[in-house]
Protein backbone atom coordinates (compact mmCIF):
# COMPACT_ATOMS: atom_id res chain seq x y z
CA UNK A 1 -82.37 -20.46 155.01
CA UNK A 2 -81.23 -22.46 151.89
CA UNK A 3 -84.76 -21.17 150.86
CA UNK A 4 -83.85 -17.45 150.66
CA UNK A 5 -80.39 -17.91 149.45
CA UNK A 6 -81.69 -19.55 146.28
CA UNK A 7 -84.48 -16.95 146.07
CA UNK A 8 -81.22 -14.13 145.64
CA UNK A 9 -79.45 -16.11 143.12
CA UNK A 10 -81.86 -16.67 140.41
CA UNK A 11 -79.59 -18.49 137.87
CA UNK A 12 -75.97 -18.05 135.91
CA UNK A 13 -76.59 -14.84 133.73
CA UNK A 14 -74.44 -16.27 130.06
CA UNK A 15 -73.23 -14.09 127.72
CA UNK A 16 -70.36 -13.77 125.07
CA UNK A 17 -68.82 -11.26 127.64
CA UNK A 18 -69.59 -13.21 130.32
CA UNK A 19 -67.63 -16.06 128.99
CA UNK A 20 -65.07 -14.27 128.35
CA UNK A 21 -64.66 -12.48 131.65
CA UNK A 22 -65.26 -15.97 133.43
CA UNK A 23 -61.77 -17.48 131.55
CA UNK A 24 -59.59 -13.76 131.55
CA UNK A 25 -60.55 -12.28 134.51
CA UNK A 26 -62.11 -15.24 137.34
CA UNK A 27 -65.58 -13.19 136.92
CA UNK A 28 -69.02 -15.31 137.11
CA UNK A 29 -72.58 -12.98 136.08
CA UNK A 30 -76.28 -13.73 138.13
CA UNK A 31 -79.29 -12.77 137.60
CA UNK A 32 -80.04 -11.76 140.82
CA UNK A 33 -83.68 -10.70 143.10
CA UNK A 34 -84.45 -7.00 142.31
CA UNK A 35 -84.43 -6.51 145.98
CA UNK A 36 -81.14 -8.10 146.58
CA UNK A 37 -78.17 -6.17 148.29
CA UNK A 38 -74.40 -6.66 147.70
CA UNK A 39 -73.79 -8.26 151.33
CA UNK A 40 -76.66 -10.66 150.49
CA UNK A 41 -75.55 -11.76 147.03
CA UNK A 42 -72.01 -12.37 148.76
CA UNK A 43 -73.04 -14.62 151.75
CA UNK A 44 -75.44 -16.59 148.99
CA UNK A 45 -72.53 -17.37 146.40
CA UNK A 46 -70.64 -18.14 149.19
CA UNK A 47 -72.55 -20.39 151.09
CA UNK A 48 -73.94 -22.58 147.93
CA UNK A 49 -70.61 -22.54 145.97
CA UNK A 50 -68.42 -22.91 148.95
CA UNK A 51 -65.87 -20.37 147.44
CA UNK A 52 -64.90 -16.79 148.46
CA UNK A 53 -65.72 -13.91 146.88
CA UNK A 54 -63.26 -10.76 146.17
CA UNK A 55 -66.03 -8.19 144.96
CA UNK A 56 -69.42 -7.37 143.33
CA UNK A 57 -70.30 -5.33 141.28
CA UNK A 58 -74.28 -4.88 140.33
CA UNK A 59 -76.20 -3.58 137.64
CA UNK A 60 -79.71 -3.10 136.28
CA UNK A 61 -80.37 -4.49 132.76
CA UNK A 62 -83.51 -5.17 130.82
CA UNK A 63 -83.89 -8.59 132.33
CA UNK A 64 -83.55 -7.55 135.59
CA UNK A 65 -80.77 -6.97 138.34
CA UNK A 66 -77.37 -8.70 137.56
CA UNK A 67 -74.29 -9.40 139.59
CA UNK A 68 -70.80 -9.84 138.46
CA UNK A 69 -68.88 -11.74 140.87
CA UNK A 70 -65.03 -11.75 141.07
CA UNK A 71 -63.65 -14.94 143.28
CA UNK A 72 -60.95 -14.90 145.08
CA UNK A 73 -57.64 -16.31 143.12
CA UNK A 74 -57.69 -19.82 145.32
CA UNK A 75 -61.18 -20.47 143.42
CA UNK A 76 -61.57 -21.05 139.65
CA UNK A 77 -64.69 -19.28 138.49
CA UNK A 78 -64.96 -21.96 135.26
CA UNK A 79 -65.34 -24.72 137.95
CA UNK A 80 -67.70 -22.99 139.67
CA UNK A 81 -69.53 -21.98 136.28
CA UNK A 82 -69.80 -25.80 136.07
CA UNK A 83 -71.69 -26.13 139.40
CA UNK A 84 -74.01 -23.06 138.30
CA UNK A 85 -75.17 -24.04 134.98
CA UNK A 86 -72.79 -21.66 132.59
CA UNK A 87 -71.89 -24.99 130.61
């Protein structure tokens, strides 16, 4: 199961906008597998980083599929971003 979770979340997607959303709106962005659904992304983030996800939006960009994950208020996007390799 852990191999599957790590194949869904490829890596953190870091842009200036993503960094601003992380600080202001408690959101993180991940480049995900093109076949991944919102539910699969939610399960992968919650199990890998032990946090609660409020909402997920997904967009298709040139580099692939990007999932924007808004975390619950009790979890800090900056702390989880540090573990995800944003910094």
